[in-house]
Amino acid sequence: MNKPLVSVIVAVFNGENFFCQAMDSIIGQHYKNIEIIIVDDGSTDNTAELAKLYLEKPNISYVLQENAGQAAAMNKGVSLATGEFLSFIDHDDLWEPTKLDVQLSAFTHDAELDVVYSHQKSFAENKASDKLVFEREAIPSYVPSSMLIRKDSFLKVGYFDTNIQKGYFFPWFDLLKMKGLKMTMLPDLLYHRRVHGENISICSSPKDYKDYFLAIKAIRKQRDNEN
């Protein structure tokens, strides 16, 4: 495989505390043929000012949208992406410097692959978040931040469902499997998930549980339509 362009999409909302660390972990990738698309989902903190610090680099762009949720922000990034491959990272997470290199190597060894995932390890941001319940060992990670996917393959599955906030990835991943796209899980630990109590995947209100119910309902509907 030659050096294909990878579009890295950073969906951020009020991420001033962690955004720069996430960005630096992207810029620090050993693989350099990337474009970084920052989609600000209507932040009201200093995210915009921090993002502008990176815009001197020609491969980094920034777009601000009205707050519409993470799925909508990621969809916006996909619509702007020009790369052959897509990768995503939450504004509070980190990548190993070898992430893209290792995952692209998997595509080199198997040209029929559509998507490559990696292992993740969660870490507590502080003593307060250390009291939360989360998996502390490296585990297989089927989430956007661990994923590298061909753009054409992503579009075969379709955009994320913007009607679902938390859990939006579950029906998309289920549809990916239903369509028979070829995926692999690498044994490498390439993605670090920061736990701080405000993660989008953590339920903290009745609405959050409702979102996960909507995700389950969407999966059932997809499977019923398939049958």
Protein backbone atom coordinates (compact mmCIF):
# COMPACT_ATOMS: atom_id res chain seq x y z
CA MET A 1 0.00 0.00 0.00
CA ASN A 2 1.25 3.49 -0.82
CA LYS A 3 0.73 6.36 1.62
CA PRO A 4 -3.05 6.91 1.56
CA LEU A 5 -4.52 9.99 3.17
CA VAL A 6 -6.23 9.38 6.52
CA SER A 7 -8.93 11.82 7.60
CA VAL A 8 -8.98 12.12 11.40
CA ILE A 9 -12.24 13.54 12.73
CA VAL A 10 -12.26 15.19 16.16
CA ALA A 11 -15.77 15.86 17.45
CA VAL A 12 -15.54 18.21 20.41
CA PHE A 13 -18.01 19.85 22.78
CA ASN A 14 -16.74 21.98 25.68
CA GLY A 15 -13.47 20.12 25.59
CA GLU A 16 -11.07 22.79 26.84
CA ASN A 17 -9.67 20.57 29.61
CA PHE A 18 -8.52 17.70 27.39
CA PHE A 19 -8.75 18.80 23.76
CA CYS A 20 -5.09 19.77 23.34
CA GLN A 21 -3.88 16.43 24.66
CA ALA A 22 -6.07 14.61 22.14
CA MET A 23 -4.83 16.84 19.33
CA ASP A 24 -1.20 16.34 20.30
CA SER A 25 -1.67 12.57 20.24
CA ILE A 26 -2.91 12.88 16.64
CA ILE A 27 -0.13 15.22 15.54
CA GLY A 28 2.35 12.88 17.22
CA GLN A 29 1.38 9.96 15.00
CA HIS A 30 4.31 8.29 13.26
CA TYR A 31 2.13 8.15 10.16
CA LYS A 32 2.09 11.67 8.74
CA ASN A 33 -0.18 11.63 5.68
CA ILE A 34 -3.25 12.80 7.57
CA GLU A 35 -5.76 15.61 7.59
CA ILE A 36 -7.37 16.60 10.88
CA ILE A 37 -10.95 17.88 10.83
CA ILE A 38 -12.08 19.48 14.08
CA VAL A 39 -15.86 19.73 14.39
CA ASP A 40 -16.91 21.94 17.28
CA ASP A 41 -20.43 20.99 18.33
CA GLY A 42 -21.38 24.43 19.64
CA SER A 43 -18.90 24.68 22.52
CA THR A 44 -19.42 27.50 25.00
CA ASP A 45 -16.00 27.29 26.67
CA ASN A 46 -12.56 28.09 25.24
CA THR A 47 -12.51 25.19 22.77
CA ALA A 48 -12.65 27.48 19.72
CA GLU A 49 -9.67 29.52 20.92
CA LEU A 50 -7.65 26.37 21.56
CA ALA A 51 -8.56 24.93 18.17
CA LYS A 52 -7.35 28.06 16.39
CA LEU A 53 -3.88 27.49 17.83
CA TYR A 54 -3.57 24.49 15.52
CA LEU A 55 -4.86 26.09 12.34
CA GLU A 56 -1.46 27.32 11.17
CA LYS A 57 -0.80 23.77 10.00
CA PRO A 58 -2.11 23.20 6.43
CA ASN A 59 -3.58 19.79 7.19
CA ILE A 60 -5.86 20.94 10.02
CA SER A 61 -9.29 22.51 9.58
CA TYR A 62 -11.96 23.72 12.01
CA VAL A 63 -15.71 24.00 11.61
CA LEU A 64 -18.25 25.24 14.14
CA GLN A 65 -21.83 23.98 14.11
CA GLU A 66 -24.84 24.55 16.32
CA ASN A 67 -25.01 21.99 19.10
CA ALA A 68 -26.56 18.86 17.59
CA GLY A 69 -24.81 16.01 19.38
CA GLN A 70 -21.72 13.92 18.81
CA ALA A 71 -23.21 11.80 16.03
CA ALA A 72 -24.06 14.91 14.01
CA ALA A 73 -20.59 16.34 14.58
CA MET A 74 -18.93 13.15 13.40
CA ASN A 75 -21.19 13.02 10.36
CA LYS A 76 -20.16 16.57 9.52
CA GLY A 77 -16.52 15.53 9.70
CA VAL A 78 -17.15 12.59 7.37
CA SER A 79 -18.88 14.87 4.86
CA LEU A 80 -15.77 17.08 4.77
CA ALA A 81 -13.21 14.27 4.69
CA THR A 82 -11.11 13.81 1.56
CA GLY A 83 -9.05 10.84 2.76
CA GLU A 84 -9.26 7.23 1.63
CA PHE A 85 -9.51 6.22 5.28
CA LEU A 86 -11.45 7.63 8.23
CA SER A 87 -10.48 7.64 11.87
CA PHE A 88 -12.23 9.24 14.84
CA ILE A 89 -11.15 10.37 18.27
CA ASP A 90 -13.12 11.86 21.16
CA HIS A 91 -11.71 15.12 22.50
CA ASP A 92 -10.90 13.55 25.87
CA ASP A 93 -9.07 10.43 24.65
CA LEU A 94 -5.54 9.57 23.50
CA TRP A 95 -3.88 7.45 20.83
CA GLU A 96 -0.60 5.61 20.88
CA PRO A 97 1.82 7.21 18.38
CA THR A 98 1.78 3.99 16.33
CA LYS A 99 -2.01 3.69 15.99
CA LEU A 100 -2.42 4.62 12.35
CA ASP A 101 0.81 2.92 11.27
CA VAL A 102 -0.17 -0.39 12.86
CA GLN A 103 -3.73 -0.32 11.56
CA LEU A 104 -2.72 0.61 8.03
CA SER A 105 -0.29 -2.30 8.06
CA ALA A 106 -3.27 -4.60 8.63
CA PHE A 107 -4.86 -3.27 5.43
CA THR A 108 -1.59 -3.89 3.60
CA HIS A 109 -1.61 -7.53 4.66
CA ASP A 110 -5.29 -8.01 3.78
CA ALA A 111 -6.56 -5.83 0.96
CA GLU A 112 -10.13 -7.07 1.50
CA LEU A 113 -10.43 -5.53 4.95
CA ASP A 114 -12.99 -2.77 5.44
CA VAL A 115 -12.33 -1.81 9.06
CA VAL A 116 -9.67 -2.41 11.70
CA TYR A 117 -10.16 -2.09 15.47
CA SER A 118 -7.67 -2.21 18.33
CA HIS A 119 -7.57 -2.79 22.07
CA GLN A 120 -8.20 0.03 24.50
CA LYS A 121 -7.32 0.74 28.10
CA SER A 122 -9.27 3.16 30.30
CA PHE A 123 -7.61 5.44 32.80
CA ALA A 124 -9.00 7.68 35.55
CA GLU A 125 -8.50 11.41 35.13
CA ASN A 126 -8.31 12.08 38.87
CA LYS A 127 -9.05 10.59 42.29
CA ALA A 128 -12.76 11.33 41.94
CA SER A 129 -13.09 9.53 38.62
CA ASP A 130 -10.96 6.67 39.97
CA LYS A 131 -13.97 5.77 42.15
CA LEU A 132 -16.12 5.11 39.08
CA VAL A 133 -16.64 1.55 37.89
CA PHE A 134 -14.80 0.82 34.65
CA GLU A 135 -12.68 -1.89 33.08
CA ARG A 136 -9.05 -1.26 34.01
CA GLU A 137 -7.37 -3.85 31.81
CA ALA A 138 -6.75 -3.66 28.07
CA ILE A 139 -9.81 -4.96 26.22
CA PRO A 140 -10.98 -5.29 22.60
CA SER A 141 -12.57 -2.00 21.59
CA TYR A 142 -15.36 -1.75 19.04
CA VAL A 143 -15.82 2.02 19.27
CA PRO A 144 -15.07 4.91 16.90
CA SER A 145 -11.88 6.03 18.67
CA SER A 146 -10.25 2.63 18.11
CA MET A 147 -11.43 2.32 14.51
CA LEU A 148 -9.78 2.85 11.15
CA ILE A 149 -12.15 2.35 8.23
CA ARG A 150 -12.12 2.86 4.50
CA LYS A 151 -14.28 5.87 3.66
CA ASP A 152 -16.08 3.91 0.93
CA SER A 153 -16.86 1.18 3.47
CA PHE A 154 -18.19 3.74 5.97
CA LEU A 155 -20.53 5.13 3.34
CA LYS A 156 -21.81 1.63 2.56
CA VAL A 157 -23.01 1.46 6.16
CA GLY A 158 -24.21 5.07 6.17
CA TYR A 159 -23.98 8.02 8.51
CA PHE A 160 -24.56 7.78 12.27
CA ASP A 161 -28.14 8.16 13.52
CA THR A 162 -28.41 11.70 14.86
CA ASN A 163 -31.62 10.88 16.73
CA ILE A 164 -29.53 8.93 19.25
CA GLN A 165 -27.04 10.71 21.50
CA LYS A 166 -25.47 8.12 23.80
CA GLY A 167 -25.24 4.72 22.15
CA TYR A 168 -25.46 6.01 18.56
CA PHE A 169 -22.58 3.74 17.55
CA PHE A 170 -24.33 0.48 18.49
CA PRO A 171 -26.91 0.37 15.66
CA TRP A 172 -24.27 1.59 13.19
CA PHE A 173 -21.90 -1.21 14.22
CA ASP A 174 -24.74 -3.74 14.04
CA LEU A 175 -25.53 -2.57 10.50
CA LEU A 176 -21.87 -2.89 9.55
CA LYS A 177 -21.98 -6.55 10.57
CA MET A 178 -25.30 -7.13 8.83
CA LYS A 179 -23.86 -5.80 5.58
CA GLY A 180 -21.03 -8.30 5.83
CA LEU A 181 -18.16 -5.83 5.86
CA LYS A 182 -14.87 -7.46 6.74
CA MET A 183 -13.31 -6.38 10.02
CA THR A 184 -10.49 -7.43 12.28
CA MET A 185 -9.51 -6.80 15.89
CA LEU A 186 -5.81 -6.21 16.44
CA PRO A 187 -4.20 -7.38 19.70
CA ASP A 188 -2.34 -4.07 20.00
CA LEU A 189 -3.23 -1.49 22.65
CA LEU A 190 -3.54 1.68 20.57
CA TYR A 191 -6.29 3.72 22.24
CA HIS A 192 -6.58 5.13 25.76
CA ARG A 193 -10.01 6.14 27.07
CA ARG A 194 -10.04 8.83 29.72
CA VAL A 195 -12.68 8.35 32.44
CA HIS A 196 -13.77 11.58 34.13
CA GLY A 197 -17.44 11.15 34.92
CA GLU A 198 -18.74 13.27 32.05
CA ASN A 199 -17.94 10.87 29.21
CA ILE A 200 -20.66 10.59 26.61
CA SER A 201 -20.87 6.83 27.23
CA ILE A 202 -21.63 7.23 30.95
CA CYS A 203 -25.27 7.38 32.05
CA SER A 204 -25.99 10.17 34.50
CA SER A 205 -29.67 10.99 33.86
CA PRO A 206 -32.94 9.29 32.80
CA LYS A 207 -32.47 10.79 29.33
CA ASP A 208 -29.17 8.95 28.98
CA TYR A 209 -30.87 5.61 29.59
CA LYS A 210 -33.56 6.60 27.10
CA ASP A 211 -30.87 7.13 24.47
CA TYR A 212 -29.53 3.62 25.00
CA PHE A 213 -33.08 2.29 24.74
CA LEU A 214 -33.40 4.09 21.39
CA ALA A 215 -30.17 2.44 20.25
CA ILE A 216 -31.49 -1.01 21.16
CA LYS A 217 -34.80 -0.23 19.44
CA ALA A 218 -32.93 0.83 16.29
CA ILE A 219 -30.99 -2.44 16.25
CA ARG A 220 -34.18 -4.49 16.59
CA LYS A 221 -35.78 -2.54 13.75
CA GLN A 222 -32.77 -3.13 11.49
CA ARG A 223 -32.86 -6.86 12.16
CA ASP A 224 -36.61 -7.07 11.64
CA ASN A 225 -36.22 -5.31 8.28
CA GLU A 226 -33.43 -7.71 7.34
CA ASN A 227 -35.72 -10.67 8.04
